[in-house]
């Protein structure tokens, strides 16, 4: 009897220790990816599936965004049957880039407010 085949390959993950700062900043610069990171930051580990995010892109583009976040060491994914679960690698990323996620996860300032002189 042959073992059942996985429906897809397990995702590759890059540890944050192997990510250059510019790659991390580039991954966080995209508004869709930033939104994904912000939503994951407010969720428990392994709670969110890829399909649970309300994003203005299709499945292929969403897969690309998650691949970029994995390559930047920000997200870890695992398969649970047909679903792919996600977690923000907060502790690992903070160890590599202390304070960066805190800055990125701050709410955007009100665009109507003028900076203090």
C-alpha atoms as a PDB file:
ATOM      1  CA  UNK A   1       0.000   0.000   0.000  1.00  0.00           C
ATOM      2  CA  UNK A   2       1.356   3.407  -0.947  1.00  0.00           C
ATOM      3  CA  UNK A   3       1.431   6.233   1.597  1.00  0.00           C
ATOM      4  CA  UNK A   4      -0.988   9.083   0.797  1.00  0.00           C
ATOM      5  CA  UNK A   5       0.643  12.027  -0.938  1.00  0.00           C
ATOM      6  CA  UNK A   6       0.444  15.507   0.455  1.00  0.00           C
ATOM      7  CA  UNK A   7      -1.729  17.778  -1.648  1.00  0.00           C
ATOM      8  CA  UNK A   8       1.076  20.359  -1.737  1.00  0.00           C
ATOM      9  CA  UNK A   9       4.639  20.778  -0.621  1.00  0.00           C
ATOM     10  CA  UNK A  10       5.337  22.141   2.846  1.00  0.00           C
ATOM     11  CA  UNK A  11       6.320  25.810   2.706  1.00  0.00           C
ATOM     12  CA  UNK A  12       9.960  26.883   2.982  1.00  0.00           C
ATOM     13  CA  UNK A  13      10.758  29.187   5.882  1.00  0.00           C
ATOM     14  CA  UNK A  14      13.641  31.591   6.348  1.00  0.00           C
ATOM     15  CA  UNK A  15      14.756  32.180   9.917  1.00  0.00           C
ATOM     16  CA  UNK A  16      14.906  35.906  10.743  1.00  0.00           C
ATOM     17  CA  UNK A  17      18.609  35.507  11.621  1.00  0.00           C
ATOM     18  CA  UNK A  18      19.255  35.032   7.890  1.00  0.00           C
ATOM     19  CA  UNK A  19      17.246  38.045   6.706  1.00  0.00           C
ATOM     20  CA  UNK A  20      18.938  41.334   5.755  1.00  0.00           C
ATOM     21  CA  UNK A  21      17.326  44.492   7.105  1.00  0.00           C
ATOM     22  CA  UNK A  22      16.431  45.753   3.623  1.00  0.00           C
ATOM     23  CA  UNK A  23      14.593  42.500   2.837  1.00  0.00           C
ATOM     24  CA  UNK A  24      12.558  42.848   6.040  1.00  0.00           C
ATOM     25  CA  UNK A  25      11.750  46.490   5.304  1.00  0.00           C
ATOM     26  CA  UNK A  26      10.808  45.655   1.721  1.00  0.00           C
ATOM     27  CA  UNK A  27       8.423  42.920   2.874  1.00  0.00           C
ATOM     28  CA  UNK A  28       6.768  45.298   5.326  1.00  0.00           C
ATOM     29  CA  UNK A  29       6.524  48.163   2.817  1.00  0.00           C
ATOM     30  CA  UNK A  30       3.667  46.593   0.846  1.00  0.00           C
ATOM     31  CA  UNK A  31       0.235  47.605   2.213  1.00  0.00           C
ATOM     32  CA  UNK A  32      -1.290  44.133   1.740  1.00  0.00           C
ATOM     33  CA  UNK A  33       1.597  42.419   3.526  1.00  0.00           C
ATOM     34  CA  UNK A  34       1.572  45.033   6.274  1.00  0.00           C
ATOM     35  CA  UNK A  35      -2.130  44.362   6.758  1.00  0.00           C
ATOM     36  CA  UNK A  36      -1.481  40.621   7.002  1.00  0.00           C
ATOM     37  CA  UNK A  37       1.231  41.183   9.613  1.00  0.00           C
ATOM     38  CA  UNK A  38      -1.011  43.519  11.602  1.00  0.00           C
ATOM     39  CA  UNK A  39      -3.867  41.016  11.584  1.00  0.00           C
ATOM     40  CA  UNK A  40      -1.552  38.185  12.605  1.00  0.00           C
ATOM     41  CA  UNK A  41      -0.170  40.324  15.434  1.00  0.00           C
ATOM     42  CA  UNK A  42      -3.684  40.569  16.843  1.00  0.00           C
ATOM     43  CA  UNK A  43      -4.394  36.844  16.527  1.00  0.00           C
ATOM     44  CA  UNK A  44      -3.296  33.791  18.471  1.00  0.00           C
ATOM     45  CA  UNK A  45      -0.596  31.602  16.927  1.00  0.00           C
ATOM     46  CA  UNK A  46      -1.908  29.113  14.360  1.00  0.00           C
ATOM     47  CA  UNK A  47      -5.424  30.594  14.571  1.00  0.00           C
ATOM     48  CA  UNK A  48      -5.614  32.208  11.122  1.00  0.00           C
ATOM     49  CA  UNK A  49      -5.852  30.340   7.842  1.00  0.00           C
ATOM     50  CA  UNK A  50      -4.765  31.961   4.603  1.00  0.00           C
ATOM     51  CA  UNK A  51      -8.381  32.250   3.483  1.00  0.00           C
ATOM     52  CA  UNK A  52      -9.468  34.082   6.644  1.00  0.00           C
ATOM     53  CA  UNK A  53      -7.916  37.405   5.645  1.00  0.00           C
ATOM     54  CA  UNK A  54     -10.013  40.057   3.918  1.00  0.00           C
ATOM     55  CA  UNK A  55      -7.569  41.314   1.302  1.00  0.00           C
ATOM     56  CA  UNK A  56      -8.080  43.070  -2.041  1.00  0.00           C
ATOM     57  CA  UNK A  57      -6.098  40.444  -3.988  1.00  0.00           C
ATOM     58  CA  UNK A  58      -6.785  37.015  -5.458  1.00  0.00           C
ATOM     59  CA  UNK A  59      -5.496  33.659  -4.227  1.00  0.00           C
ATOM     60  CA  UNK A  60      -2.353  33.664  -6.383  1.00  0.00           C
ATOM     61  CA  UNK A  61      -1.334  37.144  -5.256  1.00  0.00           C
ATOM     62  CA  UNK A  62      -2.100  36.253  -1.629  1.00  0.00           C
ATOM     63  CA  UNK A  63       0.136  33.183  -1.925  1.00  0.00           C
ATOM     64  CA  UNK A  64       2.894  35.418  -3.275  1.00  0.00           C
ATOM     65  CA  UNK A  65       2.478  37.832  -0.351  1.00  0.00           C
ATOM     66  CA  UNK A  66       2.713  34.992   2.167  1.00  0.00           C
ATOM     67  CA  UNK A  67       5.811  33.626   0.387  1.00  0.00           C
ATOM     68  CA  UNK A  68       7.418  37.068   0.674  1.00  0.00           C
ATOM     69  CA  UNK A  69       6.580  37.238   4.386  1.00  0.00           C
ATOM     70  CA  UNK A  70       8.031  33.744   4.919  1.00  0.00           C
ATOM     71  CA  UNK A  71      11.204  34.698   3.044  1.00  0.00           C
ATOM     72  CA  UNK A  72      11.542  37.760   5.273  1.00  0.00           C
ATOM     73  CA  UNK A  73      11.275  35.608   8.393  1.00  0.00           C
ATOM     74  CA  UNK A  74       8.025  37.243   9.486  1.00  0.00           C
ATOM     75  CA  UNK A  75       5.559  34.405   9.080  1.00  0.00           C
ATOM     76  CA  UNK A  76       5.604  30.674   9.696  1.00  0.00           C
ATOM     77  CA  UNK A  77       3.004  28.419   8.113  1.00  0.00           C
ATOM     78  CA  UNK A  78       1.969  24.823   8.606  1.00  0.00           C
ATOM     79  CA  UNK A  79      -0.610  22.640   6.963  1.00  0.00           C
ATOM     80  CA  UNK A  80      -3.521  21.162   8.865  1.00  0.00           C
ATOM     81  CA  UNK A  81      -5.345  19.003   6.354  1.00  0.00           C
ATOM     82  CA  UNK A  82      -6.471  21.242   3.483  1.00  0.00           C
ATOM     83  CA  UNK A  83      -5.899  24.434   5.474  1.00  0.00           C
ATOM     84  CA  UNK A  84      -2.664  26.378   5.865  1.00  0.00           C
ATOM     85  CA  UNK A  85      -2.309  27.964   9.302  1.00  0.00           C
ATOM     86  CA  UNK A  86      -0.191  31.025  10.026  1.00  0.00           C
ATOM     87  CA  UNK A  87       1.657  32.599  12.898  1.00  0.00           C
ATOM     88  CA  UNK A  88       3.659  35.792  13.190  1.00  0.00           C
ATOM     89  CA  UNK A  89       7.239  34.971  14.219  1.00  0.00           C
ATOM     90  CA  UNK A  90       7.206  37.866  16.660  1.00  0.00           C
ATOM     91  CA  UNK A  91       9.784  36.636  19.193  1.00  0.00           C
ATOM     92  CA  UNK A  92      12.268  35.484  16.544  1.00  0.00           C
ATOM     93  CA  UNK A  93      11.842  38.641  14.457  1.00  0.00           C
ATOM     94  CA  UNK A  94      12.137  40.908  17.517  1.00  0.00           C
ATOM     95  CA  UNK A  95      15.383  39.165  18.493  1.00  0.00           C
ATOM     96  CA  UNK A  96      16.820  39.934  15.035  1.00  0.00           C
ATOM     97  CA  UNK A  97      15.362  43.430  14.603  1.00  0.00           C
ATOM     98  CA  UNK A  98      14.514  44.790  18.075  1.00  0.00           C
ATOM     99  CA  UNK A  99      11.696  47.336  17.998  1.00  0.00           C
ATOM    100  CA  UNK A 100      11.013  47.135  14.253  1.00  0.00           C
ATOM    101  CA  UNK A 101       7.674  45.351  14.566  1.00  0.00           C
ATOM    102  CA  UNK A 102       6.626  47.684  17.379  1.00  0.00           C
ATOM    103  CA  UNK A 103       7.170  50.625  15.024  1.00  0.00           C
ATOM    104  CA  UNK A 104       5.405  48.984  12.111  1.00  0.00           C
ATOM    105  CA  UNK A 105       2.441  47.831  14.180  1.00  0.00           C
ATOM    106  CA  UNK A 106       1.703  51.275  15.597  1.00  0.00           C
ATOM    107  CA  UNK A 107      -1.548  52.719  14.322  1.00  0.00           C
ATOM    108  CA  UNK A 108      -1.074  55.104  11.429  1.00  0.00           C
ATOM    109  CA  UNK A 109      -1.229  58.734  12.512  1.00  0.00           C
ATOM    110  CA  UNK A 110      -4.264  60.691  11.476  1.00  0.00           C
ATOM    111  CA  UNK A 111      -3.368  62.110   8.039  1.00  0.00           C
ATOM    112  CA  UNK A 112      -5.272  65.276   8.937  1.00  0.00           C
ATOM    113  CA  UNK A 113      -2.952  66.141  11.804  1.00  0.00           C
ATOM    114  CA  UNK A 114      -0.084  68.484  11.142  1.00  0.00           C
ATOM    115  CA  UNK A 115       3.308  67.554  12.606  1.00  0.00           C
ATOM    116  CA  UNK A 116       4.441  69.730  15.486  1.00  0.00           C
ATOM    117  CA  UNK A 117       6.926  72.428  14.556  1.00  0.00           C
END
